[in-house]
PDB file of N, CA and C in Angstrom:
ATOM      1  N   MET A   1     119.786 123.646 118.132  1.00  0.00           N
ATOM      2  CA  MET A   1     118.820 123.108 119.055  1.00  0.00           C
ATOM      3  C   MET A   1     117.473 122.856 118.385  1.00  0.00           C
ATOM      4  N   LYS A   2     117.094 123.699 117.483  1.00  0.00           N
ATOM      5  CA  LYS A   2     115.802 123.573 116.842  1.00  0.00           C
ATOM      6  C   LYS A   2     115.689 122.282 116.038  1.00  0.00           C
ATOM      7  N   LYS A   3     116.769 121.874 115.382  1.00  0.00           N
ATOM      8  CA  LYS A   3     116.738 120.674 114.568  1.00  0.00           C
ATOM      9  C   LYS A   3     116.441 119.438 115.420  1.00  0.00           C
ATOM     10  N   ARG A   4     116.999 119.361 116.608  1.00  0.00           N
ATOM     11  CA  ARG A   4     116.780 118.217 117.490  1.00  0.00           C
ATOM     12  C   ARG A   4     115.311 118.141 117.902  1.00  0.00           C
ATOM     13  N   ASN A   5     114.711 119.298 118.211  1.00  0.00           N
ATOM     14  CA  ASN A   5     113.304 119.308 118.589  1.00  0.00           C
ATOM     15  C   ASN A   5     112.416 118.887 117.427  1.00  0.00           C
ATOM     16  N   ASP A   6     112.766 119.328 116.217  1.00  0.00           N
ATOM     17  CA  ASP A   6     111.992 118.942 115.043  1.00  0.00           C
ATOM     18  C   ASP A   6     112.049 117.428 114.820  1.00  0.00           C
ATOM     19  N   GLN A   7     113.222 116.836 114.994  1.00  0.00           N
ATOM     20  CA  GLN A   7     113.356 115.395 114.816  1.00  0.00           C
ATOM     21  C   GLN A   7     112.549 114.644 115.867  1.00  0.00           C
ATOM     22  N   ALA A   8     112.568 115.131 117.095  1.00  0.00           N
ATOM     23  CA  ALA A   8     111.803 114.481 118.157  1.00  0.00           C
ATOM     24  C   ALA A   8     110.305 114.560 117.858  1.00  0.00           C
ATOM     25  N   LYS A   9     109.859 115.705 117.364  1.00  0.00           N
ATOM     26  CA  LYS A   9     108.443 115.852 117.010  1.00  0.00           C
ATOM     27  C   LYS A   9     108.075 114.926 115.856  1.00  0.00           C
ATOM     28  N   GLN A  10     108.959 114.849 114.858  1.00  0.00           N
ATOM     29  CA  GLN A  10     108.700 113.972 113.717  1.00  0.00           C
ATOM     30  C   GLN A  10     108.590 112.513 114.150  1.00  0.00           C
ATOM     31  N   LYS A  11     109.484 112.079 115.031  1.00  0.00           N
ATOM     32  CA  LYS A  11     109.448 110.692 115.497  1.00  0.00           C
ATOM     33  C   LYS A  11     108.188 110.411 116.298  1.00  0.00           C
ATOM     34  N   LYS A  12     107.769 111.372 117.125  1.00  0.00           N
ATOM     35  CA  LYS A  12     106.558 111.189 117.926  1.00  0.00           C
ATOM     36  C   LYS A  12     105.337 111.078 117.010  1.00  0.00           C
ATOM     37  N   ILE A  13     105.254 111.951 116.018  1.00  0.00           N
ATOM     38  CA  ILE A  13     104.138 111.906 115.071  1.00  0.00           C
ATOM     39  C   ILE A  13     104.163 110.593 114.286  1.00  0.00           C
ATOM     40  N   ALA A  14     105.343 110.173 113.867  1.00  0.00           N
ATOM     41  CA  ALA A  14     105.476 108.928 113.109  1.00  0.00           C
ATOM     42  C   ALA A  14     105.042 107.724 113.947  1.00  0.00           C
ATOM     43  N   GLU A  15     105.409 107.680 115.225  1.00  0.00           N
ATOM     44  CA  GLU A  15     104.996 106.580 116.097  1.00  0.00           C
ATOM     45  C   GLU A  15     103.480 106.525 116.226  1.00  0.00           C
ATOM     46  N   GLU A  16     102.851 107.697 116.334  1.00  0.00           N
ATOM     47  CA  GLU A  16     101.392 107.749 116.417  1.00  0.00           C
ATOM     48  C   GLU A  16     100.764 107.237 115.116  1.00  0.00           C
ATOM     49  N   ARG A  17     101.322 107.635 113.980  1.00  0.00           N
ATOM     50  CA  ARG A  17     100.787 107.202 112.692  1.00  0.00           C
ATOM     51  C   ARG A  17     100.953 105.707 112.499  1.00  0.00           C
ATOM     52  N   ILE A  18     102.089 105.180 112.930  1.00  0.00           N
ATOM     53  CA  ILE A  18     102.320 103.734 112.822  1.00  0.00           C
ATOM     54  C   ILE A  18     101.281 102.979 113.647  1.00  0.00           C
ATOM     55  N   GLU A  19     101.026 103.453 114.857  1.00  0.00           N
ATOM     56  CA  GLU A  19     100.027 102.815 115.719  1.00  0.00           C
ATOM     57  C   GLU A  19      98.646 102.866 115.064  1.00  0.00           C
ATOM     58  N   ILE A  20      98.286 103.994 114.481  1.00  0.00           N
ATOM     59  CA  ILE A  20      96.994 104.139 113.800  1.00  0.00           C
ATOM     60  C   ILE A  20      96.909 103.183 112.609  1.00  0.00           C
ATOM     61  N   LEU A  21      97.996 103.067 111.846  1.00  0.00           N
ATOM     62  CA  LEU A  21      97.992 102.168 110.680  1.00  0.00           C
ATOM     63  C   LEU A  21      97.827 100.714 111.092  1.00  0.00           C
ATOM     64  N   PHE A  22      98.441 100.305 112.205  1.00  0.00           N
ATOM     65  CA  PHE A  22      98.263  98.932 112.675  1.00  0.00           C
ATOM     66  C   PHE A  22      96.827  98.696 113.136  1.00  0.00           C
ATOM     67  N   GLN A  23      96.213  99.700 113.768  1.00  0.00           N
ATOM     68  CA  GLN A  23      94.808  99.570 114.169  1.00  0.00           C
ATOM     69  C   GLN A  23      93.910  99.451 112.941  1.00  0.00           C
ATOM     70  N   LYS A  24      94.188 100.258 111.913  1.00  0.00           N
ATOM     71  CA  LYS A  24      93.395 100.194 110.684  1.00  0.00           C
ATOM     72  C   LYS A  24      93.576  98.846 109.986  1.00  0.00           C
ATOM     73  N   ALA A  25      94.784  98.295 110.022  1.00  0.00           N
ATOM     74  CA  ALA A  25      95.024  96.982 109.419  1.00  0.00           C
ATOM     75  C   ALA A  25      94.206  95.914 110.138  1.00  0.00           C
ATOM     76  N   GLU A  26      94.114  96.027 111.454  1.00  0.00           N
ATOM     77  CA  GLU A  26      93.325  95.072 112.232  1.00  0.00           C
ATOM     78  C   GLU A  26      91.840  95.181 111.882  1.00  0.00           C
ATOM     79  N   GLN A  27      91.355  96.406 111.730  1.00  0.00           N
ATOM     80  CA  GLN A  27      89.944  96.608 111.397  1.00  0.00           C
ATOM     81  C   GLN A  27      89.623  96.163 109.973  1.00  0.00           C
ATOM     82  N   ALA A  28      90.557  96.369 109.050  1.00  0.00           N
ATOM     83  CA  ALA A  28      90.314  96.077 107.639  1.00  0.00           C
ATOM     84  C   ALA A  28      90.726  94.666 107.259  1.00  0.00           C
ATOM     85  N   PHE A  29      91.005  93.792 108.218  1.00  0.00           N
ATOM     86  CA  PHE A  29      91.636  92.518 107.886  1.00  0.00           C
ATOM     87  C   PHE A  29      90.902  91.650 106.878  1.00  0.00           C
ATOM     88  N   PRO A  30      89.613  91.457 106.926  1.00  0.00           N
ATOM     89  CA  PRO A  30      89.055  90.568 105.887  1.00  0.00           C
ATOM     90  C   PRO A  30      89.452  91.008 104.470  1.00  0.00           C
ATOM     91  N   ASN A  31      89.693  92.277 104.274  1.00  0.00           N
ATOM     92  CA  ASN A  31      90.234  92.774 103.005  1.00  0.00           C
ATOM     93  C   ASN A  31      91.762  92.739 103.138  1.00  0.00           C
ATOM     94  N   THR A  32      92.373  91.627 102.730  1.00  0.00           N
ATOM     95  CA  THR A  32      93.804  91.435 102.977  1.00  0.00           C
ATOM     96  C   THR A  32      94.679  92.428 102.231  1.00  0.00           C
ATOM     97  N   LYS A  33      94.267  92.848 101.041  1.00  0.00           N
ATOM     98  CA  LYS A  33      95.087  93.806 100.297  1.00  0.00           C
ATOM     99  C   LYS A  33      95.209  95.125 101.049  1.00  0.00           C
ATOM    100  N   ARG A  34      94.105  95.594 101.592  1.00  0.00           N
ATOM    101  CA  ARG A  34      94.134  96.860 102.315  1.00  0.00           C
ATOM    102  C   ARG A  34      94.954  96.732 103.604  1.00  0.00           C
ATOM    103  N   ALA A  35      94.770  95.628 104.346  1.00  0.00           N
ATOM    104  CA  ALA A  35      95.531  95.426 105.580  1.00  0.00           C
ATOM    105  C   ALA A  35      97.030  95.355 105.287  1.00  0.00           C
ATOM    106  N   ASN A  36      97.398  94.653 104.218  1.00  0.00           N
ATOM    107  CA  ASN A  36      98.814  94.541 103.851  1.00  0.00           C
ATOM    108  C   ASN A  36      99.382  95.895 103.431  1.00  0.00           C
ATOM    109  N   ARG A  37      98.572  96.708 102.787  1.00  0.00           N
ATOM    110  CA  ARG A  37      99.029  98.038 102.376  1.00  0.00           C
ATOM    111  C   ARG A  37      99.272  98.922 103.594  1.00  0.00           C
ATOM    112  N   TYR A  38      98.396  98.843 104.598  1.00  0.00           N
ATOM    113  CA  TYR A  38      98.604  99.613 105.826  1.00  0.00           C
ATOM    114  C   TYR A  38      99.913  99.210 106.503  1.00  0.00           C
ATOM    115  N   ILE A  39     100.191  97.911 106.534  1.00  0.00           N
ATOM    116  CA  ILE A  39     101.437  97.424 107.130  1.00  0.00           C
ATOM    117  C   ILE A  39     102.634  97.928 106.328  1.00  0.00           C
ATOM    118  N   ASP A  40     102.529  97.908 105.020  1.00  0.00           N
ATOM    119  CA  ASP A  40     103.608  98.384 104.154  1.00  0.00           C
ATOM    120  C   ASP A  40     103.905  99.861 104.413  1.00  0.00           C
ATOM    121  N   ILE A  41     102.873 100.670 104.524  1.00  0.00           N
ATOM    122  CA  ILE A  41     103.059 102.103 104.794  1.00  0.00           C
ATOM    123  C   ILE A  41     103.713 102.301 106.161  1.00  0.00           C
ATOM    124  N   ALA A  42     103.246 101.554 107.172  1.00  0.00           N
ATOM    125  CA  ALA A  42     103.811 101.675 108.523  1.00  0.00           C
ATOM    126  C   ALA A  42     105.293 101.295 108.530  1.00  0.00           C
ATOM    127  N   ARG A  43     105.660 100.234 107.811  1.00  0.00           N
ATOM    128  CA  ARG A  43     107.058  99.816 107.733  1.00  0.00           C
ATOM    129  C   ARG A  43     107.908 100.898 107.094  1.00  0.00           C
ATOM    130  N   HIS A  44     107.407 101.494 106.020  1.00  0.00           N
ATOM    131  CA  HIS A  44     108.185 102.522 105.322  1.00  0.00           C
ATOM    132  C   HIS A  44     108.369 103.764 106.200  1.00  0.00           C
ATOM    133  N   ILE A  45     107.355 104.135 106.965  1.00  0.00           N
ATOM    134  CA  ILE A  45     107.490 105.270 107.882  1.00  0.00           C
ATOM    135  C   ILE A  45     108.559 104.964 108.919  1.00  0.00           C
ATOM    136  N   ALA A  46     108.513 103.745 109.495  1.00  0.00           N
ATOM    137  CA  ALA A  46     109.482 103.359 110.525  1.00  0.00           C
ATOM    138  C   ALA A  46     110.908 103.324 109.964  1.00  0.00           C
ATOM    139  N   MET A  47     111.061 102.822 108.758  1.00  0.00           N
ATOM    140  CA  MET A  47     112.398 102.748 108.163  1.00  0.00           C
ATOM    141  C   MET A  47     112.924 104.139 107.822  1.00  0.00           C
ATOM    142  N   LYS A  48     112.056 105.001 107.336  1.00  0.00           N
ATOM    143  CA  LYS A  48     112.492 106.332 106.923  1.00  0.00           C
ATOM    144  C   LYS A  48     113.012 107.152 108.101  1.00  0.00           C
ATOM    145  N   LEU A  49     112.330 107.035 109.253  1.00  0.00           N
ATOM    146  CA  LEU A  49     112.722 107.818 110.425  1.00  0.00           C
ATOM    147  C   LEU A  49     113.496 107.001 111.460  1.00  0.00           C
ATOM    148  N   ASN A  50     113.864 105.770 111.112  1.00  0.00           N
ATOM    149  CA  ASN A  50     114.641 104.901 111.992  1.00  0.00           C
ATOM    150  C   ASN A  50     113.971 104.722 113.351  1.00  0.00           C
ATOM    151  N   ILE A  51     112.715 104.297 113.319  1.00  0.00           N
ATOM    152  CA  ILE A  51     111.927 104.063 114.528  1.00  0.00           C
ATOM    153  C   ILE A  51     111.786 102.558 114.731  1.00  0.00           C
ATOM    154  N   HIS A  52     111.954 102.113 115.973  1.00  0.00           N
ATOM    155  CA  HIS A  52     111.776 100.706 116.292  1.00  0.00           C
ATOM    156  C   HIS A  52     110.305 100.462 116.628  1.00  0.00           C
ATOM    157  N   MET A  53     109.737  99.411 116.025  1.00  0.00           N
ATOM    158  CA  MET A  53     108.355  99.046 116.326  1.00  0.00           C
ATOM    159  C   MET A  53     108.323  98.229 117.608  1.00  0.00           C
ATOM    160  N   SER A  54     107.166  98.203 118.252  1.00  0.00           N
ATOM    161  CA  SER A  54     107.018  97.413 119.478  1.00  0.00           C
ATOM    162  C   SER A  54     106.988  95.921 119.127  1.00  0.00           C
ATOM    163  N   LYS A  55     107.163  95.073 120.124  1.00  0.00           N
ATOM    164  CA  LYS A  55     107.146  93.629 119.889  1.00  0.00           C
ATOM    165  C   LYS A  55     105.818  93.186 119.304  1.00  0.00           C
ATOM    166  N   LYS A  56     104.746  93.741 119.822  1.00  0.00           N
ATOM    167  CA  LYS A  56     103.417  93.385 119.344  1.00  0.00           C
ATOM    168  C   LYS A  56     103.277  93.723 117.858  1.00  0.00           C
ATOM    169  N   GLN A  57     103.761  94.884 117.474  1.00  0.00           N
ATOM    170  CA  GLN A  57     103.682  95.300 116.077  1.00  0.00           C
ATOM    171  C   GLN A  57     104.552  94.414 115.190  1.00  0.00           C
ATOM    172  N   LYS A  58     105.771  94.118 115.640  1.00  0.00           N
ATOM    173  CA  LYS A  58     106.693  93.314 114.830  1.00  0.00           C
ATOM    174  C   LYS A  58     106.168  91.901 114.599  1.00  0.00           C
ATOM    175  N   ARG A  59     105.470  91.375 115.594  1.00  0.00           N
ATOM    176  CA  ARG A  59     104.984  90.004 115.481  1.00  0.00           C
ATOM    177  C   ARG A  59     103.653  89.901 114.749  1.00  0.00           C
ATOM    178  N   SER A  60     103.072  91.021 114.370  1.00  0.00           N
ATOM    179  CA  SER A  60     101.773  90.967 113.710  1.00  0.00           C
ATOM    180  C   SER A  60     101.875  90.939 112.189  1.00  0.00           C
ATOM    181  N   PHE A  61     103.094  90.912 111.646  1.00  0.00           N
ATOM    182  CA  PHE A  61     103.235  90.746 110.200  1.00  0.00           C
ATOM    183  C   PHE A  61     104.391  89.805 109.903  1.00  0.00           C
ATOM    184  N   CYS A  62     104.328  89.181 108.734  1.00  0.00           N
ATOM    185  CA  CYS A  62     105.344  88.210 108.319  1.00  0.00           C
ATOM    186  C   CYS A  62     106.617  88.943 107.909  1.00  0.00           C
ATOM    187  N   LYS A  63     107.755  88.455 108.365  1.00  0.00           N
ATOM    188  CA  LYS A  63     109.039  89.093 108.046  1.00  0.00           C
ATOM    189  C   LYS A  63     109.498  88.786 106.617  1.00  0.00           C
ATOM    190  N   HIS A  64     108.882  87.791 105.986  1.00  0.00           N
ATOM    191  CA  HIS A  64     109.307  87.368 104.661  1.00  0.00           C
ATOM    192  C   HIS A  64     108.479  88.013 103.550  1.00  0.00           C
ATOM    193  N   CYS A  65     107.146  87.987 103.718  1.00  0.00           N
ATOM    194  CA  CYS A  65     106.282  88.529 102.657  1.00  0.00           C
ATOM    195  C   CYS A  65     105.522  89.781 103.109  1.00  0.00           C
ATOM    196  N   TYR A  66     105.688  90.178 104.364  1.00  0.00           N
ATOM    197  CA  TYR A  66     105.106  91.404 104.930  1.00  0.00           C
ATOM    198  C   TYR A  66     103.585  91.436 104.892  1.00  0.00           C
ATOM    199  N   THR A  67     102.941  90.283 105.023  1.00  0.00           N
ATOM    200  CA  THR A  67     101.485  90.273 105.107  1.00  0.00           C
ATOM    201  C   THR A  67     101.059  90.377 106.559  1.00  0.00           C
ATOM    202  N   TYR A  68      99.909  90.972 106.787  1.00  0.00           N
ATOM    203  CA  TYR A  68      99.347  91.099 108.130  1.00  0.00           C
ATOM    204  C   TYR A  68      98.864  89.721 108.570  1.00  0.00           C
ATOM    205  N   LEU A  69      99.284  89.269 109.743  1.00  0.00           N
ATOM    206  CA  LEU A  69      98.979  87.925 110.211  1.00  0.00           C
ATOM    207  C   LEU A  69      97.896  87.935 111.283  1.00  0.00           C
ATOM    208  N   VAL A  70      96.945  87.024 111.123  1.00  0.00           N
ATOM    209  CA  VAL A  70      95.927  86.782 112.136  1.00  0.00           C
ATOM    210  C   VAL A  70      95.963  85.285 112.426  1.00  0.00           C
ATOM    211  N   SER A  71      96.240  84.952 113.669  1.00  0.00           N
ATOM    212  CA  SER A  71      96.379  83.554 114.048  1.00  0.00           C
ATOM    213  C   SER A  71      95.074  82.798 113.799  1.00  0.00           C
ATOM    214  N   GLY A  72      95.183  81.678 113.121  1.00  0.00           N
ATOM    215  CA  GLY A  72      94.026  80.857 112.821  1.00  0.00           C
ATOM    216  C   GLY A  72      93.419  81.133 111.459  1.00  0.00           C
ATOM    217  N   VAL A  73      93.718  82.281 110.871  1.00  0.00           N
ATOM    218  CA  VAL A  73      93.166  82.620 109.555  1.00  0.00           C
ATOM    219  C   VAL A  73      94.240  82.461 108.485  1.00  0.00           C
ATOM    220  N   ASN A  74      95.289  83.260 108.574  1.00  0.00           N
ATOM    221  CA  ASN A  74      96.370  83.128 107.590  1.00  0.00           C
ATOM    222  C   ASN A  74      97.714  82.879 108.275  1.00  0.00           C
ATOM    223  N   ALA A  75      97.667  82.518 109.556  1.00  0.00           N
ATOM    224  CA  ALA A  75      98.891  82.190 110.296  1.00  0.00           C
ATOM    225  C   ALA A  75      98.588  81.087 111.310  1.00  0.00           C
ATOM    226  N   GLN A  76      99.610  80.349 111.652  1.00  0.00           N
ATOM    227  CA  GLN A  76      99.486  79.280 112.629  1.00  0.00           C
ATOM    228  C   GLN A  76     100.533  79.522 113.706  1.00  0.00           C
ATOM    229  N   THR A  77     100.122  79.563 114.967  1.00  0.00           N
ATOM    230  CA  THR A  77     101.029  79.836 116.069  1.00  0.00           C
ATOM    231  C   THR A  77     101.122  78.606 116.961  1.00  0.00           C
ATOM    232  N   ARG A  78     102.356  78.194 117.237  1.00  0.00           N
ATOM    233  CA  ARG A  78     102.588  77.019 118.090  1.00  0.00           C
ATOM    234  C   ARG A  78     103.748  77.285 119.027  1.00  0.00           C
ATOM    235  N   ILE A  79     103.807  76.500 120.093  1.00  0.00           N
ATOM    236  CA  ILE A  79     104.926  76.559 121.031  1.00  0.00           C
ATOM    237  C   ILE A  79     105.587  75.193 121.014  1.00  0.00           C
ATOM    238  N   ARG A  80     106.902  75.197 120.769  1.00  0.00           N
ATOM    239  CA  ARG A  80     107.625  73.932 120.693  1.00  0.00           C
ATOM    240  C   ARG A  80     109.084  74.146 121.067  1.00  0.00           C
ATOM    241  N   ASN A  81     109.606  73.313 121.944  1.00  0.00           N
ATOM    242  CA  ASN A  81     111.010  73.340 122.352  1.00  0.00           C
ATOM    243  C   ASN A  81     111.475  74.730 122.791  1.00  0.00           C
ATOM    244  N   GLY A  82     110.660  75.419 123.551  1.00  0.00           N
ATOM    245  CA  GLY A  82     111.057  76.731 124.051  1.00  0.00           C
ATOM    246  C   GLY A  82     111.022  77.835 123.015  1.00  0.00           C
ATOM    247  N   ASN A  83     110.294  77.636 121.925  1.00  0.00           N
ATOM    248  CA  ASN A  83     110.162  78.652 120.883  1.00  0.00           C
ATOM    249  C   ASN A  83     108.697  78.865 120.532  1.00  0.00           C
ATOM    250  N   ILE A  84     108.348  80.095 120.197  1.00  0.00           N
ATOM    251  CA  ILE A  84     107.060  80.379 119.589  1.00  0.00           C
ATOM    252  C   ILE A  84     107.305  80.305 118.086  1.00  0.00           C
ATOM    253  N   ILE A  85     106.545  79.474 117.403  1.00  0.00           N
ATOM    254  CA  ILE A  85     106.721  79.294 115.966  1.00  0.00           C
ATOM    255  C   ILE A  85     105.487  79.835 115.268  1.00  0.00           C
ATOM    256  N   ILE A  86     105.685  80.830 114.418  1.00  0.00           N
ATOM    257  CA  ILE A  86     104.598  81.425 113.652  1.00  0.00           C
ATOM    258  C   ILE A  86     104.787  81.018 112.197  1.00  0.00           C
ATOM    259  N   TYR A  87     103.788  80.337 111.662  1.00  0.00           N
ATOM    260  CA  TYR A  87     103.835  79.846 110.279  1.00  0.00           C
ATOM    261  C   TYR A  87     102.906  80.703 109.430  1.00  0.00           C
ATOM    262  N   CYS A  88     103.446  81.320 108.403  1.00  0.00           N
ATOM    263  CA  CYS A  88     102.667  82.149 107.482  1.00  0.00           C
ATOM    264  C   CYS A  88     102.112  81.258 106.381  1.00  0.00           C
ATOM    265  N   LYS A  89     100.799  81.244 106.233  1.00  0.00           N
ATOM    266  CA  LYS A  89     100.179  80.409 105.207  1.00  0.00           C
ATOM    267  C   LYS A  89     100.244  81.055 103.821  1.00  0.00           C
ATOM    268  N   GLU A  90     100.628  82.318 103.745  1.00  0.00           N
ATOM    269  CA  GLU A  90     100.737  82.998 102.453  1.00  0.00           C
ATOM    270  C   GLU A  90     102.039  82.604 101.741  1.00  0.00           C
ATOM    271  N   CYS A  91     103.172  82.723 102.456  1.00  0.00           N
ATOM    272  CA  CYS A  91     104.465  82.440 101.830  1.00  0.00           C
ATOM    273  C   CYS A  91     105.055  81.102 102.279  1.00  0.00           C
ATOM    274  N   LYS A  92     104.375  80.418 103.205  1.00  0.00           N
ATOM    275  CA  LYS A  92     104.800  79.088 103.680  1.00  0.00           C
ATOM    276  C   LYS A  92     106.144  79.118 104.405  1.00  0.00           C
ATOM    277  N   LYS A  93     106.414  80.187 105.153  1.00  0.00           N
ATOM    278  CA  LYS A  93     107.669  80.282 105.896  1.00  0.00           C
ATOM    279  C   LYS A  93     107.385  80.420 107.385  1.00  0.00           C
ATOM    280  N   TYR A  94     108.423  80.131 108.186  1.00  0.00           N
ATOM    281  CA  TYR A  94     108.317  80.127 109.632  1.00  0.00           C
ATOM    282  C   TYR A  94     109.088  81.300 110.233  1.00  0.00           C
ATOM    283  N   THR A  95     108.606  81.771 111.375  1.00  0.00           N
ATOM    284  CA  THR A  95     109.343  82.709 112.193  1.00  0.00           C
ATOM    285  C   THR A  95     109.434  82.089 113.584  1.00  0.00           C
ATOM    286  N   ARG A  96     110.638  81.957 114.086  1.00  0.00           N
ATOM    287  CA  ARG A  96     110.837  81.348 115.403  1.00  0.00           C
ATOM    288  C   ARG A  96     111.276  82.420 116.392  1.00  0.00           C
ATOM    289  N   ILE A  97     110.582  82.480 117.526  1.00  0.00           N
ATOM    290  CA  ILE A  97     110.862  83.471 118.559  1.00  0.00           C
ATOM    291  C   ILE A  97     111.155  82.719 119.851  1.00  0.00           C
ATOM    292  N   PRO A  98     112.356  82.847 120.410  1.00  0.00           N
ATOM    293  CA  PRO A  98     112.673  82.126 121.648  1.00  0.00           C
ATOM    294  C   PRO A  98     111.884  82.652 122.840  1.00  0.00           C
ATOM    295  N   ILE A  99     111.497  81.738 123.717  1.00  0.00           N
ATOM    296  CA  ILE A  99     110.819  82.107 124.961  1.00  0.00           C
ATOM    297  C   ILE A  99     111.885  82.170 126.040  1.00  0.00           C
ATOM    298  N   LYS A 100     111.935  83.283 126.757  1.00  0.00           N
ATOM    299  CA  LYS A 100     112.949  83.418 127.810  1.00  0.00           C
ATOM    300  C   LYS A 100     112.450  82.898 129.120  1.00  0.00           C
TER     301      LYS A 100
END
C-alpha cells in the first residue's frame, strides 16, 4: 500500500513542477534558450513519471523542435478547413489540430 501512495505523491509533485516550469517559460520568453530549457525539463519530468500534460501545455510548444511557442512572435496560428494550424517559425513545420 505504501508504494501506491508514494507514486501518487510523486505524480502530484511532478504535475505542480511542470506547471511551475511552464509559468517560468512564459515569464522568461524573450530569452528563448531559457524558455526552451524549461520546456525540455518539464517534458522529461512528464515522460519519466508517465504524466499527461494538459491541452494548453501541449499546444504551447512545438512537437518537432520542442521550442516554446508564442503566437505572433515565433509561431503563426490560423484556422482553416476545420483545423487549427500552428506554424513554427523555428523549424518551419506545421501542427494541425482538428476543431470538433
